[in-house]
Structures are given as C-alpha cells and as structure tokens.
C-alpha atoms as a PDB file:
ATOM      1  CA  MET A   1       0.237  -0.039  -0.104  1.00  0.00           C
ATOM      2  CA  GLU A   2       1.428   3.291  -1.136  1.00  0.00           C
ATOM      3  CA  THR A   3       1.518   5.973   1.955  1.00  0.00           C
ATOM      4  CA  VAL A   4       0.067   9.536   1.694  1.00  0.00           C
ATOM      5  CA  ALA A   5       3.762  10.753   2.216  1.00  0.00           C
ATOM      6  CA  ASN A   6       5.054   8.935  -0.958  1.00  0.00           C
ATOM      7  CA  SER A   7       2.366  10.300  -3.401  1.00  0.00           C
ATOM      8  CA  LEU A   8       2.580  13.971  -2.516  1.00  0.00           C
ATOM      9  CA  ALA A   9       5.784  14.662  -3.998  1.00  0.00           C
ATOM     10  CA  PRO A  10       5.977  13.251  -7.691  1.00  0.00           C
ATOM     11  CA  PHE A  11       8.718  15.011  -8.976  1.00  0.00           C
ATOM     12  CA  SER A  12      12.343  15.705  -7.837  1.00  0.00           C
ATOM     13  CA  PRO A  13      12.759  18.294  -5.130  1.00  0.00           C
ATOM     14  CA  THR A  14      14.819  21.402  -6.003  1.00  0.00           C
ATOM     15  CA  HIS A  15      17.088  22.928  -3.484  1.00  0.00           C
ATOM     16  CA  PRO A  16      17.018  26.791  -3.443  1.00  0.00           C
ATOM     17  CA  GLY A  17      20.718  26.852  -3.663  1.00  0.00           C
ATOM     18  CA  GLU A  18      20.419  25.547  -7.263  1.00  0.00           C
ATOM     19  CA  MET A  19      18.286  28.567  -8.442  1.00  0.00           C
ATOM     20  CA  ILE A  20      20.867  30.944  -6.608  1.00  0.00           C
ATOM     21  CA  LYS A  21      23.741  29.076  -8.675  1.00  0.00           C
ATOM     22  CA  GLU A  22      21.784  29.653 -12.110  1.00  0.00           C
ATOM     23  CA  GLU A  23      21.152  33.353 -10.991  1.00  0.00           C
ATOM     24  CA  ILE A  24      25.034  34.246 -10.326  1.00  0.00           C
ATOM     25  CA  GLU A  25      25.739  32.085 -13.294  1.00  0.00           C
ATOM     26  CA  TYR A  26      23.251  34.284 -15.324  1.00  0.00           C
ATOM     27  CA  ARG A  27      24.750  37.492 -14.276  1.00  0.00           C
ATOM     28  CA  GLY A  28      28.421  36.340 -14.553  1.00  0.00           C
ATOM     29  CA  MET A  29      29.371  36.325 -10.817  1.00  0.00           C
ATOM     30  CA  SER A  30      31.331  33.872  -9.314  1.00  0.00           C
ATOM     31  CA  GLN A  31      30.582  32.048  -6.177  1.00  0.00           C
ATOM     32  CA  LYS A  32      33.681  33.929  -4.625  1.00  0.00           C
ATOM     33  CA  GLU A  33      32.095  37.183  -5.591  1.00  0.00           C
ATOM     34  CA  LEU A  34      28.805  36.294  -3.972  1.00  0.00           C
ATOM     35  CA  ALA A  35      30.624  35.203  -0.794  1.00  0.00           C
ATOM     36  CA  ARG A  36      32.493  38.497  -0.957  1.00  0.00           C
ATOM     37  CA  ARG A  37      29.273  40.953  -1.261  1.00  0.00           C
ATOM     38  CA  MET A  38      27.658  38.928   1.369  1.00  0.00           C
ATOM     39  CA  GLY A  39      30.320  39.055   3.791  1.00  0.00           C
ATOM     40  CA  VAL A  40      30.051  35.145   4.761  1.00  0.00           C
ATOM     41  CA  PRO A  41      33.146  32.386   4.156  1.00  0.00           C
ATOM     42  CA  TYR A  42      33.141  31.167   0.440  1.00  0.00           C
ATOM     43  CA  MET A  43      32.703  27.523   1.661  1.00  0.00           C
ATOM     44  CA  ALA A  44      29.116  28.283   2.967  1.00  0.00           C
ATOM     45  CA  VAL A  45      28.191  29.476  -0.213  1.00  0.00           C
ATOM     46  CA  TYR A  46      29.600  26.962  -2.112  1.00  0.00           C
ATOM     47  CA  GLU A  47      28.008  24.224   0.463  1.00  0.00           C
ATOM     48  CA  VAL A  48      24.535  26.184  -0.050  1.00  0.00           C
ATOM     49  CA  LEU A  49      24.740  26.509  -3.902  1.00  0.00           C
ATOM     50  CA  ASN A  50      25.549  22.656  -4.026  1.00  0.00           C
ATOM     51  CA  GLY A  51      22.808  21.488  -1.944  1.00  0.00           C
ATOM     52  CA  ARG A  52      24.916  20.418   1.132  1.00  0.00           C
ATOM     53  CA  ARG A  53      23.587  23.118   3.597  1.00  0.00           C
ATOM     54  CA  ARG A  54      20.260  24.765   4.260  1.00  0.00           C
ATOM     55  CA  VAL A  55      19.436  28.220   3.263  1.00  0.00           C
ATOM     56  CA  SER A  56      18.527  29.752   6.681  1.00  0.00           C
ATOM     57  CA  PRO A  57      16.871  32.653   7.130  1.00  0.00           C
ATOM     58  CA  GLU A  58      19.830  34.872   7.721  1.00  0.00           C
ATOM     59  CA  PHE A  59      21.648  33.577   4.618  1.00  0.00           C
ATOM     60  CA  ALA A  60      18.795  34.440   2.804  1.00  0.00           C
ATOM     61  CA  ILE A  61      18.844  37.609   3.760  1.00  0.00           C
ATOM     62  CA  PHE A  62      22.242  38.135   2.949  1.00  0.00           C
ATOM     63  CA  ILE A  63      21.166  37.019  -0.693  1.00  0.00           C
ATOM     64  CA  GLU A  64      18.448  39.367  -0.671  1.00  0.00           C
ATOM     65  CA  ALA A  65      20.966  42.043   0.137  1.00  0.00           C
ATOM     66  CA  ALA A  66      23.731  41.003  -2.374  1.00  0.00           C
ATOM     67  CA  LEU A  67      21.323  40.123  -5.524  1.00  0.00           C
ATOM     68  CA  GLY A  68      18.104  41.979  -4.759  1.00  0.00           C
ATOM     69  CA  ILE A  69      15.738  38.907  -4.397  1.00  0.00           C
ATOM     70  CA  GLU A  70      13.343  38.552  -1.654  1.00  0.00           C
ATOM     71  CA  ALA A  71      14.553  36.384   1.210  1.00  0.00           C
ATOM     72  CA  ASP A  72      11.117  35.125   1.774  1.00  0.00           C
ATOM     73  CA  MET A  73      11.263  33.195  -1.454  1.00  0.00           C
ATOM     74  CA  PHE A  74      14.487  31.421  -0.560  1.00  0.00           C
ATOM     75  CA  VAL A  75      13.032  30.572   2.976  1.00  0.00           C
ATOM     76  CA  CYS A  76       9.979  29.033   1.411  1.00  0.00           C
ATOM     77  CA  MET A  77      11.544  27.060  -1.204  1.00  0.00           C
ATOM     78  CA  GLN A  78      13.928  25.567   1.460  1.00  0.00           C
ATOM     79  CA  MET A  79      10.889  24.501   3.473  1.00  0.00           C
ATOM     80  CA  ARG A  80       9.229  23.051   0.329  1.00  0.00           C
ATOM     81  CA  TYR A  81      12.359  21.318  -0.526  1.00  0.00           C
ATOM     82  CA  ASP A  82      12.833  19.977   3.164  1.00  0.00           C
ATOM     83  CA  MET A  83       9.314  18.519   3.220  1.00  0.00           C
ATOM     84  CA  GLN A  84       9.681  16.676   0.008  1.00  0.00           C
ATOM     85  CA  VAL A  85      12.987  15.269   1.207  1.00  0.00           C
ATOM     86  CA  ALA A  86      11.278  14.312   4.330  1.00  0.00           C
ATOM     87  CA  ARG A  87       8.216  12.599   2.461  1.00  0.00           C
ATOM     88  CA  ARG A  88      10.879  10.353   0.597  1.00  0.00           C
ATOM     89  CA  ASP A  89      12.921   9.206   3.750  1.00  0.00           C
ATOM     90  CA  LYS A  90      12.095   5.715   4.370  1.00  0.00           C
ATOM     91  CA  LYS A  91      12.271   5.580   7.905  1.00  0.00           C
ATOM     92  CA  LEU A  92      10.123   8.608   8.413  1.00  0.00           C
ATOM     93  CA  ILE A  93       7.631   7.021   5.917  1.00  0.00           C
ATOM     94  CA  GLU A  94       7.827   3.691   8.175  1.00  0.00           C
ATOM     95  CA  ARG A  95       6.998   5.842  11.259  1.00  0.00           C
ATOM     96  CA  PHE A  96       4.258   7.900   9.625  1.00  0.00           C
ATOM     97  CA  ASP A  97       2.349   4.412   8.705  1.00  0.00           C
ATOM     98  CA  GLU A  98       2.735   3.209  12.344  1.00  0.00           C
ATOM     99  CA  VAL A  99       1.276   6.399  13.585  1.00  0.00           C
ATOM    100  CA  ARG A 100      -1.631   6.529  11.178  1.00  0.00           C
ATOM    101  CA  CYS A 101      -2.439   2.906  11.986  1.00  0.00           C
ATOM    102  CA  ALA A 102      -2.187   3.604  15.734  1.00  0.00           C
ATOM    103  CA  ALA A 103      -4.897   6.523  15.248  1.00  0.00           C
ATOM    104  CA  LEU A 104      -7.299   4.374  13.275  1.00  0.00           C
END
C-alpha cells in the first residue's frame, strides 16, 4: 500500500541553492564574488549552492542584500525542499505508517 507521504511529491525536489547558482551564473558572478558581497565564508556559499547546506533565514537575507531577490522566496523554497525530502525518507515513512495505523 502506497503511503500518502509517497504520493505527495511526484517530482524531484529542487534545493534553493540551485536557483541561486543559476542566478549568479546568469549575472556572470562567481561564487567567491557572491561570498565577498555577502560577507560570508566562501565554503558557506559553495555548500548552499551545491545543496549540501540549508538556506537559513539569515543566509537568505544576505542573498537579498547581495542580489536583490526577496529572502522570503528562498526560505519558502527551503521549507518545500525539506518537506519533499522528508516525505521520501524511508524511516520517516515507516513511522508515519505506524502513527497513522495507531490513530485508526
């Protein structure tokens, strides 16, 4: 039986860092330049842009300052990404099924 959690995310989740990466490439900006403008370590930018680190509200605010794109959008994208990843987590799905069955 397929769980509700599996059926709610039919596509591959997109990390908000991918969008930021595309944006700076379109602008001809390097990751090092973005990090410099934001005043954060290069590795922090690198990890976000490669989906290895979450976009925190603070990071999103710095992106807004550096690129002029509203921080709220990145925070919402991160939340949607996190939900999609959680819905695909096998252990979480097993617990979901257990809780759902216990509630019946």
